[in-house]
Amino acid sequence: MNASFLSLLASDPEIGILRGEPLFRHTTFRIGGKADVAVFPETPLAFARAVDACRRFSVPYRVIGKGSNVLFDDSGYAGAVLFTDKLIGISVDGNRITCGAGIPLKLLCHVARDNGLAGLAFAYGIPGTVGGAVYMNAGAFEGQMSDVFYEASYYDPESGEIRTVTKDGMHFGYRHSLFMENGGILLSATFLCEKGDPAEIDEEMMDHIRSRAEKQPLAEPSAGSVFRRPAGHFAGALIAEAGLSGRAIGGAKVSEKHAGFIVNTGSATAADVRGLIRVIQNEVMEKSGILLEPEIVIIDNPDRKGE
């Protein structure tokens, strides 16, 4: 790791760093080796400075929130992992809620409910942060982030500018947004809601969390739904129909409660999960002729690309 790069980050009072930080501590899968450096910028401008430092010193970097939809390599990440944990401001103005990228979705839903703002209840129980949810246009219960999205502030590493984008410019699609195309880093987002009754909103949120608890393996470490939903089908149903419920490689297992989930039974490695993903893809393809595409983000170690 470049000493000048580390010195620059360490000298910035709005940036915290941890050398050799185990990434399993920062993912819901509880899997991943050590990052050369974990970086925790405290403000949007500090985040921009951290990204600029990575680019200036040619240090590979990835940006994540709560690590709820990612799989890091067992060998870790030879570069910088930038966390949005500190970007947690939140405010309400009429029907609009503006919050930092690091705000947990659960907290966003609570604030919306407490202010009588409807439209976000579908997101209650989705793990992760606002940044990750907008990035992938997360959704559940026939709702998605694009339904309530108004605008976002993001950093454009190419131009070095903090920009604003409205819904029309977000290129939203199924598990897709502009940021998957342009490499922009979401710093904050504003959501436009409708007025509602807090008690009714709370009831909807509780219904969703009960449904999740009944159908999903919430008690075990996972990264949520592993595969994207194929057109006209459900990934979990295809996996179950292929007889793969309970199939395991090492410590990684297809959940018997919901076959769309791979769970960490306690000792799973990234290699175990990757291997199980390949088995699932091959056997579902053989059974149904449908290729399942991963929804989780698999992050290779830059030192091992091409191996």
Protein backbone atom coordinates (compact mmCIF):
# COMPACT_ATOMS: atom_id res chain seq x y z
CA MET A 1 0.00 0.00 0.00
CA ASN A 2 1.36 3.39 -1.06
CA ALA A 3 2.76 5.20 1.99
CA SER A 4 2.02 8.66 0.56
CA PHE A 5 -1.59 7.65 -0.04
CA LEU A 6 -1.99 6.43 3.54
CA SER A 7 -0.31 9.53 4.90
CA LEU A 8 -2.66 11.77 2.93
CA LEU A 9 -5.74 10.00 4.26
CA ALA A 10 -4.42 9.88 7.82
CA SER A 11 -3.77 13.61 7.79
CA ASP A 12 -7.38 14.43 6.89
CA PRO A 13 -9.39 15.13 10.08
CA GLU A 14 -12.63 14.10 8.36
CA ILE A 15 -11.40 10.68 7.26
CA GLY A 16 -10.88 7.66 9.49
CA ILE A 17 -8.84 4.66 8.35
CA LEU A 18 -8.20 1.10 9.55
CA ARG A 19 -5.28 -0.91 8.16
CA GLY A 20 -5.78 -4.61 7.46
CA GLU A 21 -9.48 -4.51 8.39
CA PRO A 22 -11.28 -7.91 8.13
CA LEU A 23 -14.13 -7.47 5.68
CA PHE A 24 -16.27 -10.23 7.16
CA ARG A 25 -17.01 -7.76 9.96
CA HIS A 26 -18.68 -5.46 7.45
CA THR A 27 -20.85 -7.84 5.41
CA THR A 28 -24.10 -9.62 6.19
CA PHE A 29 -22.61 -12.80 4.70
CA ARG A 30 -19.88 -12.65 7.40
CA ILE A 31 -17.37 -13.60 4.69
CA GLY A 32 -14.26 -11.86 3.37
CA GLY A 33 -10.55 -11.44 4.00
CA LYS A 34 -8.75 -8.25 4.97
CA ALA A 35 -8.80 -4.95 3.11
CA ASP A 36 -5.48 -3.18 2.82
CA VAL A 37 -7.28 -0.16 4.23
CA ALA A 38 -10.87 0.56 5.25
CA VAL A 39 -11.79 4.23 4.83
CA PHE A 40 -14.56 6.09 6.67
CA PRO A 41 -15.13 9.62 5.31
CA GLU A 42 -17.34 11.73 7.56
CA THR A 43 -18.75 14.21 5.01
CA PRO A 44 -19.57 14.26 1.29
CA LEU A 45 -16.55 16.46 0.56
CA ALA A 46 -14.33 14.12 2.56
CA PHE A 47 -15.69 11.23 0.52
CA ALA A 48 -14.75 13.07 -2.65
CA ARG A 49 -11.25 13.67 -1.30
CA ALA A 50 -10.84 10.00 -0.43
CA VAL A 51 -11.90 8.91 -3.92
CA ASP A 52 -9.60 11.49 -5.49
CA ALA A 53 -6.70 10.17 -3.40
CA CYS A 54 -7.36 6.63 -4.62
CA ARG A 55 -7.36 7.79 -8.21
CA ARG A 56 -4.29 9.98 -7.78
CA PHE A 57 -2.22 7.12 -6.37
CA SER A 58 -3.79 4.41 -8.58
CA VAL A 59 -5.20 2.57 -5.57
CA PRO A 60 -8.11 0.24 -6.43
CA TYR A 61 -11.23 1.12 -4.45
CA ARG A 62 -14.78 -0.03 -3.80
CA VAL A 63 -17.61 1.81 -2.08
CA ILE A 64 -20.05 -0.10 0.14
CA GLY A 65 -22.61 0.59 2.84
CA LYS A 66 -23.59 -2.21 5.21
CA GLY A 67 -22.29 -4.94 2.90
CA SER A 68 -25.72 -6.55 2.60
CA ASN A 69 -25.50 -7.51 -1.06
CA VAL A 70 -21.80 -8.24 -1.54
CA LEU A 71 -19.36 -11.13 -1.45
CA PHE A 72 -15.71 -10.24 -0.86
CA ASP A 73 -12.90 -12.62 -1.77
CA ASP A 74 -11.35 -14.85 0.90
CA SER A 75 -8.00 -13.19 0.22
CA GLY A 76 -9.46 -9.77 0.96
CA TYR A 77 -9.12 -6.61 -1.12
CA ALA A 78 -5.79 -5.20 -2.20
CA GLY A 79 -6.85 -1.59 -2.14
CA ALA A 80 -9.20 0.72 -0.29
CA VAL A 81 -12.77 -0.08 0.74
CA LEU A 82 -14.69 3.14 1.33
CA PHE A 83 -17.64 2.94 3.70
CA THR A 84 -20.65 5.28 3.75
CA ASP A 85 -21.25 4.65 7.48
CA LYS A 86 -20.72 8.29 8.45
CA LEU A 87 -23.03 9.84 5.84
CA ILE A 88 -26.07 9.72 8.10
CA GLY A 89 -27.77 13.12 8.08
CA ILE A 90 -31.55 13.02 7.66
CA SER A 91 -34.23 15.72 7.42
CA VAL A 92 -37.90 16.07 6.54
CA ASP A 93 -39.40 18.95 4.57
CA GLY A 94 -43.10 18.56 3.88
CA ASN A 95 -43.50 15.39 1.82
CA ARG A 96 -39.78 15.04 1.17
CA ILE A 97 -37.16 13.14 3.14
CA THR A 98 -33.48 13.82 2.43
CA CYS A 99 -30.85 11.55 3.90
CA GLY A 100 -27.22 10.53 3.59
CA ALA A 101 -26.21 7.43 1.67
CA GLY A 102 -25.22 5.67 4.88
CA ILE A 103 -28.66 5.85 6.49
CA PRO A 104 -30.02 2.30 7.10
CA LEU A 105 -33.26 1.65 5.23
CA LYS A 106 -34.85 0.64 8.52
CA LEU A 107 -34.23 4.11 9.96
CA LEU A 108 -35.51 5.80 6.80
CA CYS A 109 -38.74 3.81 7.11
CA HIS A 110 -39.10 4.76 10.77
CA VAL A 111 -38.64 8.47 10.01
CA ALA A 112 -41.19 8.28 7.19
CA ARG A 113 -43.73 6.55 9.43
CA ASP A 114 -43.20 8.94 12.35
CA ASN A 115 -43.81 11.90 10.02
CA GLY A 116 -46.90 10.37 8.42
CA LEU A 117 -45.22 9.85 5.05
CA ALA A 118 -46.32 6.83 3.03
CA GLY A 119 -44.62 5.00 0.18
CA LEU A 120 -41.53 3.50 1.79
CA ALA A 121 -43.08 0.68 3.83
CA PHE A 122 -42.11 -1.88 1.16
CA ALA A 123 -38.47 -1.25 2.07
CA TYR A 124 -38.87 -2.14 5.74
CA GLY A 125 -36.76 -5.17 6.44
CA ILE A 126 -34.54 -4.82 3.38
CA PRO A 127 -31.03 -4.87 4.87
CA GLY A 128 -28.51 -2.26 3.89
CA THR A 129 -28.38 1.47 3.35
CA VAL A 130 -30.05 4.12 1.24
CA GLY A 131 -26.99 4.33 -1.00
CA GLY A 132 -26.98 0.65 -1.86
CA ALA A 133 -30.75 0.53 -2.23
CA VAL A 134 -30.83 3.40 -4.73
CA TYR A 135 -27.77 2.06 -6.55
CA MET A 136 -29.50 -1.24 -7.29
CA ASN A 137 -33.09 0.06 -7.23
CA ALA A 138 -33.89 -2.37 -4.44
CA GLY A 139 -37.45 -3.52 -4.09
CA ALA A 140 -39.90 -5.87 -2.39
CA PHE A 141 -43.64 -6.41 -2.05
CA GLU A 142 -44.27 -4.85 -5.48
CA GLY A 143 -42.47 -1.63 -4.53
CA GLN A 144 -39.03 -0.30 -5.46
CA MET A 145 -36.86 2.70 -4.66
CA SER A 146 -37.61 4.36 -7.99
CA ASP A 147 -41.28 4.66 -6.94
CA VAL A 148 -40.44 7.30 -4.33
CA PHE A 149 -37.09 8.64 -5.58
CA TYR A 150 -36.96 12.40 -6.22
CA GLU A 151 -33.31 13.35 -6.63
CA ALA A 152 -29.80 12.52 -5.47
CA SER A 153 -26.46 14.15 -4.89
CA TYR A 154 -23.51 12.17 -6.16
CA TYR A 155 -19.80 12.49 -6.76
CA ASP A 156 -18.55 12.10 -10.32
CA PRO A 157 -14.94 10.87 -10.07
CA GLU A 158 -14.26 11.65 -13.73
CA SER A 159 -15.16 15.33 -13.52
CA GLY A 160 -14.31 15.80 -9.85
CA GLU A 161 -17.71 17.41 -9.28
CA ILE A 162 -20.59 16.79 -6.90
CA ARG A 163 -23.68 16.70 -9.06
CA THR A 164 -27.45 16.40 -8.70
CA VAL A 165 -29.59 13.98 -10.69
CA THR A 166 -33.38 13.80 -10.79
CA LYS A 167 -35.54 10.73 -11.34
CA ASP A 168 -35.71 11.27 -15.11
CA GLY A 169 -31.94 10.97 -15.35
CA MET A 170 -31.56 7.88 -13.17
CA HIS A 171 -32.19 5.25 -15.88
CA PHE A 172 -34.02 3.12 -13.34
CA GLY A 173 -34.82 -0.46 -14.28
CA TYR A 174 -35.06 -3.81 -12.58
CA ARG A 175 -32.15 -3.77 -10.10
CA HIS A 176 -30.53 -1.02 -12.16
CA SER A 177 -29.71 2.67 -11.93
CA LEU A 178 -27.54 5.34 -13.53
CA PHE A 179 -24.75 4.69 -11.03
CA MET A 180 -24.15 1.24 -12.49
CA GLU A 181 -23.39 2.99 -15.77
CA ASN A 182 -21.39 6.08 -14.86
CA GLY A 183 -19.48 5.05 -11.71
CA GLY A 184 -21.04 7.89 -9.74
CA ILE A 185 -20.96 7.63 -5.95
CA LEU A 186 -24.24 8.46 -4.27
CA LEU A 187 -23.83 10.82 -1.33
CA SER A 188 -27.44 11.64 -0.43
CA ALA A 189 -30.94 11.06 -1.76
CA THR A 190 -34.31 12.75 -1.50
CA PHE A 191 -37.58 10.81 -1.56
CA LEU A 192 -41.01 12.21 -2.37
CA CYS A 193 -43.73 10.56 -0.32
CA GLU A 194 -47.47 10.93 0.16
CA LYS A 195 -49.24 11.88 3.35
CA GLY A 196 -50.48 8.89 5.28
CA ASP A 197 -51.64 7.70 8.67
CA PRO A 198 -48.69 6.64 10.87
CA ALA A 199 -50.69 3.74 12.36
CA GLU A 200 -51.56 2.38 8.92
CA ILE A 201 -47.99 2.79 7.71
CA ASP A 202 -46.73 0.98 10.79
CA GLU A 203 -49.21 -1.87 10.23
CA GLU A 204 -47.97 -2.27 6.64
CA MET A 205 -44.37 -2.31 7.83
CA MET A 206 -45.13 -4.95 10.45
CA ASP A 207 -46.96 -7.09 7.88
CA HIS A 208 -43.89 -7.01 5.66
CA ILE A 209 -41.47 -7.91 8.43
CA ARG A 210 -43.72 -10.80 9.54
CA SER A 211 -43.85 -12.06 5.98
CA ARG A 212 -40.06 -11.90 5.73
CA ALA A 213 -39.65 -13.78 9.00
CA GLU A 214 -42.01 -16.53 7.80
CA LYS A 215 -40.44 -16.99 4.38
CA GLN A 216 -36.77 -15.98 4.64
CA PRO A 217 -33.83 -17.33 6.69
CA LEU A 218 -33.32 -14.11 8.62
CA ALA A 219 -31.55 -15.82 11.52
CA GLU A 220 -28.63 -16.96 9.36
CA PRO A 221 -25.94 -14.84 7.67
CA SER A 222 -26.70 -14.28 3.99
CA ALA A 223 -26.59 -11.64 1.29
CA GLY A 224 -30.31 -11.79 0.59
CA SER A 225 -31.58 -13.04 -2.75
CA VAL A 226 -28.58 -14.41 -4.62
CA PHE A 227 -30.04 -14.26 -8.13
CA ARG A 228 -31.95 -11.76 -10.22
CA ARG A 229 -35.55 -12.67 -10.99
CA PRO A 230 -35.77 -14.22 -14.48
CA ALA A 231 -38.56 -12.88 -16.66
CA GLY A 232 -41.74 -14.80 -15.92
CA HIS A 233 -40.18 -16.88 -13.15
CA PHE A 234 -38.92 -16.76 -9.57
CA ALA A 235 -35.33 -17.78 -8.93
CA GLY A 236 -36.13 -19.48 -5.62
CA ALA A 237 -38.83 -21.63 -7.19
CA LEU A 238 -36.55 -22.69 -10.05
CA ILE A 239 -33.82 -23.65 -7.57
CA ALA A 240 -36.24 -25.64 -5.40
CA GLU A 241 -37.71 -27.38 -8.46
CA ALA A 242 -34.19 -28.42 -9.44
CA GLY A 243 -33.95 -30.26 -6.10
CA LEU A 244 -31.29 -27.95 -4.71
CA SER A 245 -32.85 -26.94 -1.38
CA GLY A 246 -30.36 -27.85 1.32
CA ARG A 247 -27.50 -28.43 -1.14
CA ALA A 248 -24.23 -27.40 0.46
CA ILE A 249 -20.60 -26.81 -0.41
CA GLY A 250 -18.45 -26.38 2.65
CA GLY A 251 -20.18 -23.92 4.96
CA ALA A 252 -22.41 -22.46 2.24
CA LYS A 253 -25.90 -23.93 1.88
CA VAL A 254 -29.02 -23.32 -0.18
CA SER A 255 -31.60 -22.33 2.41
CA GLU A 256 -34.32 -24.88 2.97
CA LYS A 257 -36.61 -22.07 4.04
CA HIS A 258 -36.14 -20.03 0.85
CA ALA A 259 -34.09 -21.56 -1.98
CA GLY A 260 -33.28 -18.11 -3.38
CA PHE A 261 -30.93 -17.58 -0.42
CA ILE A 262 -27.48 -19.03 0.20
CA VAL A 263 -26.70 -19.00 3.91
CA ASN A 264 -23.46 -19.15 5.83
CA THR A 265 -23.84 -22.03 8.28
CA GLY A 266 -20.86 -20.76 10.26
CA SER A 267 -17.71 -21.54 8.31
CA ALA A 268 -18.53 -20.56 4.71
CA THR A 269 -15.82 -19.12 2.51
CA ALA A 270 -16.25 -17.02 -0.62
CA ALA A 271 -14.98 -20.04 -2.58
CA ASP A 272 -17.79 -22.13 -1.08
CA VAL A 273 -20.40 -19.58 -2.13
CA ARG A 274 -18.95 -19.18 -5.63
CA GLY A 275 -18.90 -22.94 -6.06
CA LEU A 276 -22.50 -23.27 -4.92
CA ILE A 277 -23.58 -20.48 -7.27
CA ARG A 278 -22.04 -22.38 -10.19
CA VAL A 279 -23.77 -25.61 -9.16
CA ILE A 280 -27.11 -23.82 -8.95
CA GLN A 281 -26.66 -22.15 -12.32
CA ASN A 282 -25.67 -25.39 -14.02
CA GLU A 283 -28.42 -27.53 -12.55
CA VAL A 284 -31.18 -24.96 -13.05
CA MET A 285 -30.05 -24.51 -16.65
CA GLU A 286 -30.12 -28.27 -17.17
CA LYS A 287 -33.55 -28.56 -15.53
CA SER A 288 -35.33 -25.52 -16.97
CA GLY A 289 -33.13 -24.03 -19.66
CA ILE A 290 -32.93 -20.75 -17.71
CA LEU A 291 -29.63 -19.12 -16.81
CA LEU A 292 -29.78 -17.49 -13.38
CA GLU A 293 -27.78 -14.28 -13.13
CA PRO A 294 -26.33 -13.26 -9.74
CA GLU A 295 -27.90 -10.28 -8.05
CA ILE A 296 -25.26 -10.10 -5.34
CA VAL A 297 -22.09 -8.14 -6.16
CA ILE A 298 -19.08 -10.44 -6.20
CA ILE A 299 -15.96 -8.37 -5.48
CA ASP A 300 -12.71 -9.89 -6.66
CA ASN A 301 -9.41 -9.07 -5.04
CA PRO A 302 -7.58 -6.83 -7.58
CA ASP A 303 -4.39 -8.84 -6.96
CA ARG A 304 -6.12 -12.02 -8.11
CA LYS A 305 -7.94 -10.89 -11.25
CA GLY A 306 -7.46 -13.29 -14.08
CA GLU A 307 -6.58 -16.26 -11.87
